Amino acid sequence: MNITLNKKGIAKFRKRHPLIQKEDLEQAKTSTEWVKFVDPQQQILGVGYLGEQNKGLGWVLAFEETVIDQAFFEGRFAKAKGKRSSYYQDDTTTAFRVFNGEGDQVGGLTIDLYATYAVFSWYNQTLYQHKQEIVAAFQLIFPEIIGAAEKIRFTADLPESQWLFGETAPEPLLVLENGITYATYLNEGLMTGIFLDQKEVRGQLVDGLVSGKTLLNMFSYTGAFSVAAAMGGASQTTSVDLAKRSLEKTREQFSVNGIDPETQKIHVMDVFGYFQYAKKKHLRFDAIVLDPPSFARNKKKVFSVAKNYGELVTDSLAILANDGLLIASTNAANLPIGKFQELIEDALNDAHVSFDCLHTYRLPSDFAVDRHFNEGNYLKVFFYQIHKE
C-alpha cells in the first residue's frame, strides 16, 4: 500500500524524522501491512508501517525503497548487537537494552536482555502482527538467548505480560549491574523490578558518591537507588513509595546483596506525606533522589512532572542537609531538558539557596537514540549540590 505524505510530512521525511503523525498524511489511512511512503507524484520516499501508539501513527523503517522481511530485521538486530559490544565484554553488568526502537531504526519495539533471557515490549498492533518474522530474526542473531517474555504496551485484548518463546526464567532472576545484584521478574506485569536506563546514575552511587552519608530515595519502586547507595558505602538509606509491593521488593533487593533489610528504612506512604513527616521529626538527609513517574494519582493528589516537580524540589530542601546532594530525574519525553532544568532551578532560586550543577546524565549508550528524533532521548538527570547557609 502507498501512503501519500503532504508537504509537512515530506519536509519531516527529508530531515529523516522517523515518526509519522496524522497531520503528515494527505489522507488518514490504516493498514496492518508494511507500506511505502510516497509524495503526491507517487515517488517512493521510504518504507515503514502505520500503527497507532501514544507517540503517533506510525514509523519509517528505511528512508529508501527496500523489502521489509525477516532478512531486514536480521540486519537491524545484527547492527544493534554490534553497537553493544562493550556491554557484552563487561562481566559486571548482565542486564541492558539491546534494541531501542527508533534508536535502532525500528520504532515501536524495544528488547532488553536479562542474562540469558530477553523481554520484548510491543508498542502497537501492527508491529505485533508481524512478530513471527521479527522473533525468528532475533533468535537467529541472538542464539544465546534461551527464553523471552513479551509486554503488550498498546490497548488490546491480550495479557499485558506473557512468555514469548523458550525456557521460562526463574523467579527471581538475579542479574548484575555495576557489580550489584538485582532481583528481577520477567513475567510479572509490565515492570521487571529495575529501570535499566538509570544504570549510569546508579553507577555513581555504587562508586561511593554518598559513601558515609544518608540517602533518601523518593518514588523508590524496588529500591534500586537505595541498594546502589548502600553497596557504595552509604551510612543509611531511606526508601519511600506509595505502592505496597515496594516494601517486600525493596527488602528482597537488599537481601540478595547480603544487606540486612532491617538496617535500612523503608516506608510505604505517599511521598508528599513523607515530606511532612520528615519535617515534623526534624530529619535531615545528605542526599535525596527524586525520580517520580511522569504522571501519578493517589486519593488526594494528581501529580504531573511538568506541573508539580518544583514542589518536590521545594519540599526536599526543607529536609536536605547543608551542602547536600539533590539528584533530580525525569523520564517525561514531552518535557525538554531545558524546561526541566528551569523547573528545578526556579524552585531553588525561589528558596534563596545557592547551588552547583555537578553532573548531567541522559540515556546510556545501550538506549540508542536517533539523532534526528530528540524526543527519543527522554531521560534527564541533574546532580545539584545545594548550599543553604
Protein backbone atom coordinates (compact mmCIF):
# COMPACT_ATOMS: atom_id res chain seq x y z
CA MET A 1 0.00 0.00 0.00
CA ASN A 2 1.18 3.51 -0.83
CA ILE A 3 0.73 6.20 1.82
CA THR A 4 0.93 9.74 0.44
CA LEU A 5 2.66 12.38 2.52
CA ASN A 6 1.72 16.05 2.40
CA LYS A 7 4.18 18.96 2.36
CA LYS A 8 4.67 18.85 6.11
CA GLY A 9 5.26 15.10 6.07
CA ILE A 10 7.72 15.37 3.17
CA ALA A 11 9.65 18.14 4.98
CA LYS A 12 9.98 15.91 8.06
CA PHE A 13 10.98 13.00 5.86
CA ARG A 14 13.80 14.99 4.32
CA LYS A 15 15.08 15.67 7.84
CA ARG A 16 14.98 11.90 8.41
CA HIS A 17 12.42 12.25 11.19
CA PRO A 18 11.14 8.67 11.73
CA LEU A 19 7.78 9.29 13.44
CA ILE A 20 4.65 9.57 11.30
CA GLN A 21 1.77 11.71 12.60
CA LYS A 22 -1.76 12.02 11.19
CA GLU A 23 -1.08 15.58 10.10
CA ASP A 24 1.79 14.32 7.88
CA LEU A 25 -0.60 12.43 5.58
CA GLU A 26 -2.65 13.57 2.62
CA GLN A 27 -5.41 11.25 3.80
CA ALA A 28 -5.78 9.38 7.07
CA LYS A 29 -5.44 5.64 6.49
CA THR A 30 -4.84 2.49 8.48
CA SER A 31 -3.06 -0.69 7.48
CA THR A 32 -1.61 -3.73 9.21
CA GLU A 33 0.86 -4.35 6.35
CA TRP A 34 4.19 -2.77 5.51
CA VAL A 35 3.63 0.40 3.49
CA LYS A 36 5.50 2.65 1.07
CA PHE A 37 5.56 6.36 1.85
CA VAL A 38 5.25 8.41 -1.33
CA ASP A 39 4.98 12.04 -2.40
CA PRO A 40 1.91 13.37 -4.26
CA GLN A 41 3.53 12.30 -7.54
CA GLN A 42 3.76 8.75 -6.12
CA GLN A 43 7.56 8.81 -5.97
CA ILE A 44 8.71 6.43 -3.23
CA LEU A 45 10.39 8.17 -0.30
CA GLY A 46 10.78 5.22 2.06
CA VAL A 47 9.08 2.30 3.76
CA GLY A 48 7.60 1.55 7.16
CA TYR A 49 4.23 0.98 8.73
CA LEU A 50 1.16 2.58 10.26
CA GLY A 51 0.42 1.51 13.80
CA GLU A 52 -1.20 3.86 16.28
CA GLN A 53 0.51 4.28 19.63
CA ASN A 54 0.86 7.03 22.20
CA LYS A 55 3.64 8.71 20.20
CA GLY A 56 1.96 8.90 16.80
CA LEU A 57 0.51 6.98 13.87
CA GLY A 58 3.47 5.03 12.51
CA TRP A 59 7.19 4.74 11.88
CA VAL A 60 9.59 4.99 8.96
CA LEU A 61 11.83 1.91 8.93
CA ALA A 62 14.01 2.93 5.97
CA PHE A 63 14.42 6.17 4.04
CA GLU A 64 14.68 4.39 0.70
CA GLU A 65 12.79 1.64 -1.06
CA THR A 66 13.60 -1.75 0.44
CA VAL A 67 11.87 -5.03 1.25
CA ILE A 68 10.79 -5.47 4.86
CA ASP A 69 11.11 -9.17 5.66
CA GLN A 70 12.94 -11.44 8.08
CA ALA A 71 16.30 -10.63 6.48
CA PHE A 72 15.59 -6.91 7.01
CA PHE A 73 15.14 -7.47 10.76
CA GLU A 74 18.17 -9.74 10.91
CA GLY A 75 20.21 -6.80 9.61
CA ARG A 76 18.74 -4.39 12.15
CA PHE A 77 19.35 -6.82 15.04
CA ALA A 78 22.91 -7.60 13.95
CA LYS A 79 23.75 -3.89 13.79
CA ALA A 80 22.17 -3.29 17.20
CA LYS A 81 24.08 -6.17 18.76
CA GLY A 82 27.34 -4.80 17.38
CA LYS A 83 26.68 -1.40 18.95
CA ARG A 84 26.50 -3.03 22.40
CA SER A 85 29.83 -4.87 22.21
CA SER A 86 31.18 -3.06 25.29
CA TYR A 87 28.26 -4.37 27.38
CA TYR A 88 28.89 -7.94 26.25
CA GLN A 89 32.51 -7.58 27.35
CA ASP A 90 31.56 -6.26 30.81
CA ASP A 91 31.00 -9.15 33.21
CA THR A 92 29.82 -6.75 35.95
CA THR A 93 26.62 -5.92 34.01
CA THR A 94 24.36 -8.68 32.64
CA ALA A 95 21.15 -6.65 32.09
CA PHE A 96 20.93 -3.96 29.42
CA ARG A 97 18.89 -2.83 26.43
CA VAL A 98 19.91 -4.47 23.18
CA PHE A 99 17.31 -2.89 20.90
CA ASN A 100 15.84 0.57 21.44
CA GLY A 101 13.05 1.19 18.94
CA GLU A 102 13.67 4.10 16.59
CA GLY A 103 17.20 4.44 18.00
CA ASP A 104 17.90 1.13 16.24
CA GLN A 105 15.72 2.03 13.24
CA VAL A 106 12.58 0.09 14.18
CA GLY A 107 10.24 2.36 16.12
CA GLY A 108 7.64 0.54 18.20
CA LEU A 109 9.79 -2.27 19.64
CA THR A 110 12.28 -2.43 22.49
CA ILE A 111 14.17 -5.50 23.68
CA ASP A 112 16.04 -5.82 26.98
CA LEU A 113 18.45 -8.59 27.90
CA TYR A 114 18.45 -10.07 31.39
CA ALA A 115 21.36 -12.53 31.49
CA THR A 116 20.32 -15.29 29.03
CA TYR A 117 16.71 -14.08 28.73
CA ALA A 118 15.04 -11.24 26.83
CA VAL A 119 12.00 -9.02 27.28
CA PHE A 120 10.21 -7.71 24.17
CA SER A 121 7.97 -4.63 24.51
CA TRP A 122 5.49 -4.10 21.67
CA TYR A 123 4.03 -0.61 21.34
CA ASN A 124 1.43 -1.10 18.59
CA GLN A 125 -0.76 -3.74 17.00
CA THR A 126 0.78 -3.59 13.52
CA LEU A 127 4.30 -4.49 14.59
CA TYR A 128 2.89 -7.15 16.91
CA GLN A 129 1.10 -8.81 13.99
CA HIS A 130 4.47 -9.25 12.30
CA LYS A 131 6.12 -10.70 15.37
CA GLN A 132 6.70 -14.15 13.86
CA GLU A 133 9.30 -12.92 11.37
CA ILE A 134 10.70 -10.41 13.88
CA VAL A 135 11.19 -13.04 16.58
CA ALA A 136 12.66 -15.51 14.07
CA ALA A 137 15.20 -12.86 13.04
CA PHE A 138 16.02 -12.13 16.68
CA GLN A 139 16.61 -15.78 17.50
CA LEU A 140 18.98 -16.14 14.55
CA ILE A 141 21.12 -13.16 15.66
CA PHE A 142 20.84 -13.89 19.40
CA PRO A 143 21.09 -17.72 19.63
CA GLU A 144 22.41 -17.41 23.20
CA ILE A 145 19.00 -16.19 24.44
CA ILE A 146 17.20 -19.23 25.87
CA GLY A 147 13.82 -17.62 26.52
CA ALA A 148 11.87 -14.38 26.24
CA ALA A 149 8.84 -12.67 27.74
CA GLU A 150 6.73 -10.05 25.97
CA LYS A 151 4.97 -6.93 27.22
CA ILE A 152 1.91 -5.58 25.39
CA ARG A 153 2.10 -1.78 25.66
CA PHE A 154 -0.88 -0.96 23.47
CA THR A 155 -4.63 -1.39 24.00
CA ALA A 156 -5.57 -4.96 23.12
CA ASP A 157 -7.49 -7.93 24.42
CA LEU A 158 -4.22 -9.65 25.36
CA PRO A 159 -2.40 -10.38 28.63
CA GLU A 160 -0.10 -7.43 29.37
CA SER A 161 2.73 -9.88 30.03
CA GLN A 162 3.26 -13.44 28.83
CA TRP A 163 6.01 -15.81 27.81
CA LEU A 164 7.01 -15.43 24.16
CA PHE A 165 9.37 -18.34 23.49
CA GLY A 166 11.81 -20.78 25.05
CA GLU A 167 12.52 -21.53 28.68
CA THR A 168 10.82 -19.55 31.42
CA ALA A 169 13.11 -17.57 33.70
CA PRO A 170 13.43 -18.36 37.40
CA GLU A 171 11.70 -16.03 39.86
CA PRO A 172 13.51 -14.02 40.89
CA LEU A 173 16.05 -13.91 38.07
CA LEU A 174 19.23 -12.42 39.54
CA VAL A 175 21.14 -10.09 37.23
CA LEU A 176 24.17 -7.84 37.65
CA GLU A 177 24.59 -4.12 37.05
CA ASN A 178 27.82 -2.36 38.02
CA GLY A 179 28.64 -5.48 40.02
CA ILE A 180 25.48 -5.19 42.14
CA THR A 181 22.84 -7.94 42.15
CA TYR A 182 19.22 -7.14 41.37
CA ALA A 183 16.22 -9.44 41.66
CA THR A 184 14.04 -9.23 38.55
CA TYR A 185 10.75 -10.82 37.50
CA LEU A 186 10.35 -11.03 33.75
CA ASN A 187 6.68 -12.09 33.60
CA GLU A 188 5.13 -10.08 36.42
CA GLY A 189 3.12 -7.32 34.77
CA LEU A 190 4.74 -4.60 32.66
CA MET A 191 7.62 -3.96 35.08
CA THR A 192 10.59 -6.22 35.78
CA GLY A 193 11.85 -4.69 39.02
CA ILE A 194 14.55 -2.41 37.64
CA PHE A 195 14.68 0.52 35.21
CA LEU A 196 17.75 -0.21 33.10
CA ASP A 197 18.07 3.35 31.77
CA GLN A 198 19.36 4.55 35.17
CA LYS A 199 22.44 2.31 35.21
CA GLU A 200 24.94 5.18 34.96
CA VAL A 201 23.27 7.15 37.76
CA ARG A 202 23.25 4.08 40.00
CA GLY A 203 26.87 3.52 38.99
CA GLN A 204 27.79 6.85 40.60
CA LEU A 205 26.20 5.68 43.85
CA VAL A 206 27.94 2.29 43.66
CA ASP A 207 31.26 4.10 43.16
CA GLY A 208 30.87 5.88 46.51
CA LEU A 209 29.23 9.20 45.68
CA VAL A 210 27.35 9.13 49.02
CA SER A 211 29.79 6.97 50.99
CA GLY A 212 29.38 7.63 54.70
CA LYS A 213 26.26 9.71 54.05
CA THR A 214 22.48 9.31 54.36
CA LEU A 215 20.30 8.98 51.28
CA LEU A 216 16.55 9.46 50.83
CA ASN A 217 15.10 7.69 47.77
CA MET A 218 11.67 9.07 46.83
CA PHE A 219 9.33 7.14 44.50
CA SER A 220 11.69 4.27 45.26
CA TYR A 221 9.89 1.43 43.40
CA THR A 222 12.02 -1.62 44.31
CA GLY A 223 14.77 0.43 45.96
CA ALA A 224 17.45 0.12 43.25
CA PHE A 225 18.97 3.55 44.01
CA SER A 226 18.97 2.70 47.72
CA VAL A 227 20.74 -0.63 47.18
CA ALA A 228 23.33 1.00 44.91
CA ALA A 229 23.98 3.67 47.56
CA ALA A 230 24.22 1.14 50.39
CA MET A 231 26.64 -1.01 48.41
CA GLY A 232 28.65 2.15 47.73
CA GLY A 233 29.07 2.81 51.44
CA ALA A 234 26.09 5.00 52.38
CA SER A 235 25.63 5.06 56.14
CA GLN A 236 21.84 4.78 55.89
CA THR A 237 19.20 4.66 53.14
CA THR A 238 15.51 5.55 53.37
CA SER A 239 13.16 4.39 50.62
CA VAL A 240 9.66 5.83 50.16
CA ASP A 241 6.98 4.62 47.74
CA LEU A 242 3.19 4.50 47.91
CA ALA A 243 2.89 1.02 46.36
CA LYS A 244 2.51 -1.71 48.97
CA ARG A 245 4.64 -4.13 46.95
CA SER A 246 7.61 -1.76 47.34
CA LEU A 247 8.27 -2.97 50.90
CA GLU A 248 8.71 -6.63 50.02
CA LYS A 249 10.53 -5.87 46.75
CA THR A 250 12.98 -3.44 48.36
CA ARG A 251 13.72 -5.82 51.22
CA GLU A 252 14.50 -8.50 48.65
CA GLN A 253 16.92 -6.25 46.76
CA PHE A 254 18.90 -5.62 49.93
CA SER A 255 18.83 -9.29 50.90
CA VAL A 256 20.21 -10.60 47.59
CA ASN A 257 23.19 -8.29 48.13
CA GLY A 258 23.87 -9.56 51.63
CA ILE A 259 22.48 -6.46 53.37
CA ASP A 260 20.07 -6.97 56.26
CA PRO A 261 16.91 -5.01 55.28
CA GLU A 262 16.38 -4.20 58.96
CA THR A 263 19.44 -1.93 58.80
CA GLN A 264 17.69 0.27 56.22
CA LYS A 265 14.47 2.29 56.38
CA ILE A 266 11.59 1.50 54.01
CA HIS A 267 8.29 3.40 54.13
CA VAL A 268 5.10 2.61 52.23
CA MET A 269 3.47 6.02 52.08
CA ASP A 270 2.75 9.00 49.86
CA VAL A 271 5.88 11.00 49.06
CA PHE A 272 4.34 14.36 49.93
CA GLY A 273 3.09 12.85 53.19
CA TYR A 274 6.61 11.66 53.97
CA PHE A 275 8.00 15.17 53.43
CA GLN A 276 5.60 16.45 56.12
CA TYR A 277 6.52 13.57 58.44
CA ALA A 278 10.25 14.18 57.99
CA LYS A 279 9.88 17.90 58.68
CA LYS A 280 7.97 17.23 61.88
CA LYS A 281 10.65 14.78 63.01
CA HIS A 282 13.42 17.23 62.03
CA LEU A 283 15.04 14.62 59.83
CA ARG A 284 17.93 15.63 57.55
CA PHE A 285 19.44 13.75 54.61
CA ASP A 286 22.79 14.25 52.91
CA ALA A 287 21.38 13.19 49.53
CA ILE A 288 17.86 12.98 48.08
CA VAL A 289 16.83 11.19 44.87
CA LEU A 290 13.70 12.49 43.11
CA ASP A 291 12.69 10.16 40.28
CA PRO A 292 8.88 10.31 40.00
CA PRO A 293 6.72 8.78 37.28
CA SER A 294 5.70 11.32 34.63
CA PHE A 295 2.14 11.16 35.91
CA ALA A 296 0.70 9.69 39.11
CA ARG A 297 -2.53 9.84 41.07
CA ASN A 298 -3.50 8.99 44.62
CA LYS A 299 -6.65 9.66 46.62
CA LYS A 300 -5.68 13.26 47.40
CA LYS A 301 -3.48 14.48 44.55
CA VAL A 302 -2.74 14.24 40.84
CA PHE A 303 0.99 14.57 40.17
CA SER A 304 2.49 15.67 36.86
CA VAL A 305 6.22 16.27 36.35
CA ALA A 306 5.57 19.33 34.17
CA LYS A 307 3.32 20.93 36.78
CA ASN A 308 4.50 19.64 40.15
CA TYR A 309 8.22 18.83 40.01
CA GLY A 310 9.07 22.20 41.51
CA GLU A 311 7.02 21.27 44.59
CA LEU A 312 9.17 18.18 45.05
CA VAL A 313 12.32 20.28 44.93
CA THR A 314 10.91 22.80 47.41
CA ASP A 315 9.84 20.09 49.86
CA SER A 316 13.22 18.37 49.53
CA LEU A 317 15.13 21.49 50.53
CA ALA A 318 13.42 21.54 53.93
CA ILE A 319 14.97 18.17 54.83
CA LEU A 320 18.24 18.31 52.86
CA ALA A 321 21.41 18.91 54.81
CA ASN A 322 23.57 21.92 54.01
CA ASP A 323 25.87 21.15 51.05
CA GLY A 324 23.56 18.22 50.39
CA LEU A 325 23.14 16.47 47.05
CA LEU A 326 19.89 16.59 45.08
CA ILE A 327 19.55 14.03 42.27
CA ALA A 328 16.68 15.30 40.11
CA SER A 329 15.43 12.92 37.42
CA THR A 330 12.56 12.52 34.96
CA ASN A 331 11.68 10.22 32.08
CA ALA A 332 8.99 12.58 30.73
CA ALA A 333 9.61 12.57 26.97
CA ASN A 334 7.37 15.61 26.38
CA LEU A 335 9.43 17.79 28.74
CA PRO A 336 12.54 19.25 27.05
CA ILE A 337 15.75 19.14 29.05
CA GLY A 338 15.99 22.94 29.20
CA LYS A 339 12.47 23.24 30.58
CA PHE A 340 13.13 20.54 33.18
CA GLN A 341 16.29 22.31 34.34
CA GLU A 342 14.32 25.55 34.52
CA LEU A 343 11.67 23.92 36.75
CA ILE A 344 14.35 22.74 39.15
CA GLU A 345 16.37 25.94 39.25
CA ASP A 346 13.31 28.19 39.56
CA ALA A 347 12.40 26.28 42.74
CA LEU A 348 15.98 26.56 44.02
CA ASN A 349 16.09 30.29 43.31
CA ASP A 350 12.70 30.82 44.94
CA ALA A 351 14.11 29.15 48.06
CA HIS A 352 17.09 31.54 48.04
CA VAL A 353 19.71 28.81 48.11
CA SER A 354 22.87 28.71 46.03
CA PHE A 355 23.70 25.60 44.02
CA ASP A 356 26.16 23.96 41.68
CA CYS A 357 25.17 21.56 38.92
CA LEU A 358 27.75 18.78 39.24
CA HIS A 359 26.64 16.25 36.61
CA THR A 360 24.05 15.78 33.90
CA TYR A 361 23.01 12.36 32.59
CA ARG A 362 20.97 11.38 29.56
CA LEU A 363 20.24 7.87 28.26
CA PRO A 364 23.14 5.41 28.43
CA SER A 365 24.58 4.15 25.14
CA ASP A 366 22.60 0.88 25.13
CA PHE A 367 19.45 3.05 24.90
CA ALA A 368 20.44 4.15 21.40
CA VAL A 369 18.93 7.46 20.28
CA ASP A 370 18.13 8.56 16.72
CA ARG A 371 19.88 11.93 16.32
CA HIS A 372 17.00 13.08 14.10
CA PHE A 373 14.45 12.33 16.84
CA ASN A 374 15.31 14.26 20.01
CA GLU A 375 12.14 13.15 21.78
CA GLY A 376 13.63 9.67 21.98
CA ASN A 377 16.30 10.89 24.42
CA TYR A 378 13.76 11.11 27.21
CA LEU A 379 15.89 10.62 30.35
CA LYS A 380 17.14 13.77 32.08
CA VAL A 381 19.08 13.63 35.36
CA PHE A 382 20.77 16.52 37.16
CA PHE A 383 23.05 16.29 40.22
CA TYR A 384 22.92 19.51 42.27
CA GLN A 385 24.94 20.40 45.33
CA ILE A 386 22.84 22.76 47.44
CA HIS A 387 24.32 25.43 49.69
CA LYS A 388 21.74 26.61 52.20
CA GLU A 389 23.82 28.77 54.53
